[in-house]
Protein backbone atom coordinates (compact mmCIF):
# COMPACT_ATOMS: atom_id res chain seq x y z
CA MET A 1 -4.70 19.59 -16.89
CA ARG A 2 -2.16 19.83 -14.08
CA THR A 3 -1.30 23.21 -12.67
CA PRO A 4 2.34 24.38 -12.91
CA SER A 5 2.64 24.31 -9.12
CA LEU A 6 1.61 20.64 -8.96
CA ARG A 7 3.93 19.72 -11.80
CA PHE A 8 6.75 21.55 -10.03
CA ALA A 9 6.01 19.78 -6.75
CA LEU A 10 5.98 16.39 -8.44
CA ALA A 11 9.16 17.15 -10.34
CA SER A 12 10.88 18.32 -7.17
CA ALA A 13 9.73 15.28 -5.23
CA PHE A 14 10.85 12.99 -8.04
CA ALA A 15 14.27 14.63 -7.97
CA VAL A 16 14.50 13.93 -4.24
CA ALA A 17 13.45 10.32 -4.74
CA CYS A 18 15.81 9.90 -7.64
CA ALA A 19 18.77 11.22 -5.69
CA ALA A 20 17.83 9.24 -2.61
CA THR A 21 17.58 5.98 -4.50
CA ALA A 22 20.99 6.40 -6.12
CA GLY A 23 19.65 5.56 -9.55
CA CYS A 24 18.99 8.86 -11.25
CA GLU A 25 19.70 8.91 -14.98
CA ALA A 26 20.20 12.68 -14.75
CA ARG A 27 23.41 12.22 -12.75
CA PRO A 28 25.71 10.27 -15.10
CA ASP A 29 28.74 11.66 -13.27
CA LEU A 30 27.96 9.47 -10.26
CA ALA A 31 29.02 5.82 -10.34
CA HIS A 32 26.34 3.54 -8.90
CA PRO A 33 26.18 -0.22 -8.61
CA VAL A 34 23.96 -1.83 -11.22
CA ARG A 35 20.60 -2.92 -9.83
CA GLU A 36 18.94 -5.33 -12.23
CA VAL A 37 15.19 -4.98 -12.59
CA ALA A 38 12.94 -7.81 -13.74
CA VAL A 39 11.35 -7.29 -17.15
CA ASN A 40 7.85 -7.26 -15.63
CA LEU A 41 8.70 -4.25 -13.43
CA ILE A 42 9.18 -0.61 -14.45
CA PRO A 43 11.79 1.41 -12.50
CA LEU A 44 10.61 4.80 -11.27
CA ASP A 45 13.75 6.47 -12.58
CA SER A 46 13.14 5.27 -16.15
CA ALA A 47 11.37 7.42 -18.74
CA GLU A 48 8.32 5.17 -18.56
CA GLY A 49 8.39 5.19 -14.75
CA GLN A 50 8.42 8.97 -14.70
CA ARG A 51 5.56 9.13 -17.19
CA LEU A 52 3.47 6.81 -15.03
CA LEU A 53 4.08 9.01 -12.00
CA PHE A 54 3.05 12.22 -13.74
CA GLU A 55 -0.03 10.59 -15.26
CA SER A 56 -1.06 8.53 -12.23
CA GLU A 57 -4.52 9.21 -10.85
CA ALA A 58 -3.73 8.32 -7.24
CA ARG A 59 -0.46 9.56 -5.73
CA ALA A 60 -1.34 11.43 -2.53
CA PRO A 61 1.28 9.59 -0.42
CA PHE A 62 4.14 10.11 -2.88
CA ILE A 63 5.49 13.47 -1.72
CA PRO A 64 5.01 12.81 2.05
CA LEU A 65 6.77 9.44 1.77
CA VAL A 66 9.59 10.65 -0.46
CA SER A 67 10.23 13.45 2.03
CA HIS A 68 11.07 10.74 4.59
CA PHE A 69 12.49 8.05 2.29
CA GLU A 70 15.25 5.98 3.90
CA THR A 71 17.12 2.76 3.30
CA GLN A 72 16.82 -0.22 5.63
CA ALA A 73 20.12 -0.70 7.46
CA SER A 74 20.03 -4.51 7.28
CA VAL A 75 18.09 -7.20 5.45
CA THR A 76 15.62 -7.72 8.32
CA LEU A 77 14.69 -4.07 8.92
CA CYS A 78 12.28 -3.47 6.04
CA GLY A 79 9.37 -3.40 8.50
CA PRO A 80 10.75 -0.77 10.93
CA THR A 81 12.02 1.35 8.03
CA THR A 82 8.62 1.32 6.33
CA LEU A 83 6.83 2.13 9.59
CA ALA A 84 9.18 5.04 10.28
CA MET A 85 8.48 6.49 6.82
CA VAL A 86 4.71 6.20 7.22
CA LEU A 87 4.69 7.59 10.77
CA ASN A 88 6.78 10.57 9.66
CA ALA A 89 4.59 11.10 6.59
CA LEU A 90 1.54 11.20 8.88
CA GLU A 91 3.36 13.56 11.26
CA ALA A 92 2.73 11.26 14.23
CA PRO A 93 4.32 12.51 17.48
CA ALA A 94 7.87 11.17 17.34
CA PRO A 95 10.74 10.52 19.76
CA ALA A 96 13.78 12.79 19.83
CA PRO A 97 16.71 10.71 18.55
CA ARG A 98 19.98 11.58 20.27
CA ALA A 99 21.60 12.39 16.92
CA TYR A 100 18.89 14.95 16.03
CA ALA A 101 17.81 16.28 19.44
CA PRO A 102 15.90 18.42 20.17
CA HIS A 103 14.23 17.66 16.83
CA ARG A 104 11.81 14.76 16.71
CA LEU A 105 11.80 12.08 14.04
CA PHE A 106 10.96 8.42 13.65
CA THR A 107 13.83 6.28 12.41
CA GLN A 108 14.22 2.56 11.89
CA GLU A 109 16.35 2.60 15.05
CA ASN A 110 13.77 4.18 17.38
CA VAL A 111 10.37 3.12 16.01
CA LEU A 112 10.70 -0.03 18.14
CA ASN A 113 11.23 0.87 21.79
CA GLY A 114 9.78 0.44 25.25
CA LEU A 115 6.31 1.35 23.99
CA THR A 116 6.29 -1.45 21.42
CA ARG A 117 8.23 -4.15 23.26
CA GLU A 118 5.09 -6.10 24.16
CA VAL A 119 4.29 -6.32 20.44
CA VAL A 120 7.76 -7.33 19.22
CA SER A 121 11.31 -6.84 20.51
CA GLU A 122 14.06 -5.09 18.59
CA ARG A 123 16.22 -8.20 18.88
CA ALA A 124 13.51 -10.45 17.42
CA VAL A 125 13.14 -8.17 14.39
CA GLU A 126 16.91 -8.00 13.91
CA ARG A 127 17.00 -11.79 13.83
CA GLY A 128 13.92 -12.62 11.80
CA GLY A 129 12.19 -9.52 10.50
CA MET A 130 8.64 -8.37 11.18
CA SER A 131 5.29 -9.92 10.30
CA LEU A 132 2.31 -8.09 8.85
CA ARG A 133 0.43 -8.45 12.13
CA GLN A 134 3.34 -7.09 14.15
CA ALA A 135 3.62 -4.09 11.80
CA ALA A 136 -0.08 -3.37 12.30
CA ASP A 137 0.19 -3.70 16.08
CA VAL A 138 3.16 -1.31 16.24
CA LEU A 139 1.18 1.30 14.28
CA HIS A 140 -1.73 0.79 16.68
CA VAL A 141 0.62 1.62 19.58
CA TYR A 142 1.24 5.01 17.97
CA GLY A 143 -2.48 5.73 17.69
CA LEU A 144 -2.99 5.06 13.99
CA ILE A 145 -6.05 3.33 12.56
CA VAL A 146 -4.98 0.19 10.72
CA GLU A 147 -6.89 -2.40 8.72
CA THR A 148 -5.07 -5.69 8.19
CA HIS A 149 -5.92 -7.65 5.05
CA TYR A 150 -4.45 -11.04 4.20
CA ALA A 151 -4.36 -11.83 0.51
CA GLY A 152 -5.73 -15.33 1.14
CA ALA A 153 -8.94 -13.78 2.48
CA SER A 154 -9.23 -11.11 -0.21
CA THR A 155 -9.21 -10.70 -3.99
CA VAL A 156 -7.18 -8.62 -6.40
CA GLU A 157 -10.33 -6.60 -7.19
CA THR A 158 -10.85 -5.76 -3.51
CA PHE A 159 -7.19 -4.91 -3.03
CA ARG A 160 -7.13 -2.67 -6.10
CA ALA A 161 -10.26 -0.78 -5.05
CA GLN A 162 -9.15 -0.29 -1.45
CA ALA A 163 -5.61 0.73 -2.37
CA LEU A 164 -6.86 3.15 -5.01
CA GLN A 165 -9.13 4.79 -2.44
CA TYR A 166 -6.32 5.20 0.09
CA LEU A 167 -3.72 6.38 -2.42
CA SER A 168 -6.16 9.07 -3.55
CA ARG A 169 -6.51 10.65 -0.10
CA ASP A 170 -4.19 12.74 2.06
CA ASP A 171 -2.99 11.12 5.30
CA HIS A 172 -3.84 7.63 4.06
CA HIS A 173 -1.21 4.97 3.35
CA VAL A 174 -0.91 1.42 2.05
CA ILE A 175 1.82 -0.95 3.25
CA VAL A 176 2.39 -4.21 1.39
CA ASN A 177 3.99 -7.45 2.58
CA TYR A 178 4.93 -9.63 -0.39
CA ASP A 179 7.23 -12.38 -1.64
CA ARG A 180 10.03 -10.90 -3.73
CA ALA A 181 10.61 -14.14 -5.61
CA ALA A 182 7.06 -13.96 -6.99
CA LEU A 183 8.05 -10.69 -8.68
CA ASP A 184 11.29 -12.21 -10.03
CA GLN A 185 13.32 -10.25 -7.51
CA ALA A 186 16.13 -11.51 -5.31
CA GLY A 187 15.08 -12.28 -1.75
CA ALA A 188 12.00 -13.55 0.06
CA GLY A 189 9.46 -11.75 2.26
CA HIS A 190 9.56 -7.96 2.14
CA ILE A 191 7.64 -4.93 3.43
CA SER A 192 7.45 -1.51 1.75
CA PRO A 193 4.91 1.30 1.25
CA LEU A 194 2.92 2.04 -1.89
CA ALA A 195 3.12 5.59 -3.23
CA ALA A 196 0.90 5.75 -6.33
CA TYR A 197 -1.42 3.92 -8.71
CA ASP A 198 -1.85 4.37 -12.46
CA VAL A 199 -5.25 3.25 -13.74
CA GLU A 200 -4.39 2.85 -17.43
CA SER A 201 -1.46 0.50 -16.82
CA ASP A 202 -3.02 -1.01 -13.67
CA ARG A 203 0.30 -0.60 -11.84
CA PHE A 204 1.22 0.34 -8.29
CA LEU A 205 4.41 2.15 -7.35
CA ILE A 206 6.35 0.38 -4.58
CA LEU A 207 8.80 2.66 -2.76
CA ASP A 208 11.20 -0.17 -2.00
CA VAL A 209 13.12 0.50 1.22
CA SER A 210 15.99 -1.83 0.29
CA ARG A 211 17.37 0.82 -2.04
CA TYR A 212 20.85 -0.70 -2.05
CA LYS A 213 19.60 -3.54 -4.26
CA ALA A 214 16.17 -2.62 -5.61
CA PRO A 215 14.86 0.73 -6.89
CA PRO A 216 11.25 1.90 -6.56
CA VAL A 217 9.26 0.06 -9.23
CA TRP A 218 5.85 0.02 -10.86
CA VAL A 219 4.24 -3.43 -10.66
CA ARG A 220 0.98 -4.70 -12.11
CA ALA A 221 -1.82 -5.08 -9.57
CA ASP A 222 -2.36 -8.78 -10.34
CA ALA A 223 1.36 -9.54 -9.99
CA LEU A 224 1.61 -7.68 -6.68
CA PHE A 225 -1.47 -9.42 -5.33
CA ALA A 226 -0.06 -12.81 -6.36
CA ALA A 227 3.16 -11.94 -4.52
CA MET A 228 1.12 -11.08 -1.41
CA ALA A 229 -0.87 -14.31 -1.77
CA ALA A 230 2.29 -16.44 -1.57
CA PRO A 231 2.59 -18.48 1.66
CA VAL A 232 4.88 -17.07 4.36
CA ASN A 233 6.95 -20.27 4.17
CA ALA A 234 6.61 -24.02 3.63
CA GLN A 235 5.68 -24.56 7.28
CA ASP A 236 3.35 -21.58 7.61
CA MET A 237 0.79 -21.54 4.80
CA ARG A 238 -0.72 -18.21 5.87
CA THR A 239 -0.46 -15.62 3.15
CA ARG A 240 1.06 -12.18 3.28
CA GLY A 241 -1.07 -9.11 2.64
CA TYR A 242 -1.47 -5.38 3.09
CA LEU A 243 -2.25 -2.70 5.66
CA LEU A 244 -4.53 0.30 5.17
CA VAL A 245 -3.27 3.04 7.48
CA ARG A 246 -4.69 6.40 8.45
CA LYS A 247 -4.51 8.90 11.29
CA GLY A 248 -6.31 8.23 14.52
CA SER A 249 -7.61 10.74 17.04
CA ASP A 250 -5.48 9.57 19.96
CA ALA A 251 -1.89 9.47 18.71
CA THR A 252 0.58 8.43 21.41
CA ARG A 253 2.80 11.26 22.60
């Protein structure tokens, strides 16, 4: 049975996520654009989505990620936005953005910089987005320990077991790179973090960083894995996949 303090923390964090994603049913006074959700997905801000969160067995990253939830500023910046959220959630040593100085914070604008330019340039990401390998290499630059797993070399059973383990532990995160179309969503390749897993429904919670068009949703493990197993494109038959991320001992300062 959950303690009142945990229930309060989850409720508070959900309220933050709900307000941040501009889709909270508790605020009918606010006019929001309609974001259609495929029938196979369960929005976090629905009654069922809330129930899954409160009953989920693995949700250690939820509160840390929601505390740093932000929306990608353009269609190609899902990678930098996701990385900024995870780096902040792990309290990695961050730059001091001019807008917030002297306070330090990772943002989608500063996570790519002189330190990461040999991995990928800001301009290249603005033009064509970020690959799974590039995302992993950027996190390596900041001293995090990252395991890269391509769906074509894995199985849904392995993914489920590994993700469940990471989502059950503090300071551990899972980042997924998947094909939106495979989930009946608008768009193509996308990157976002996972925040929870519910065993009974076998669903993962994706904290979608493109909040202007897609809310956080619960998706079945087999459907998410199939979306990660989709080829990158017709010319590049490599699959997408997922990253297992945790703190290292030599974070870059």
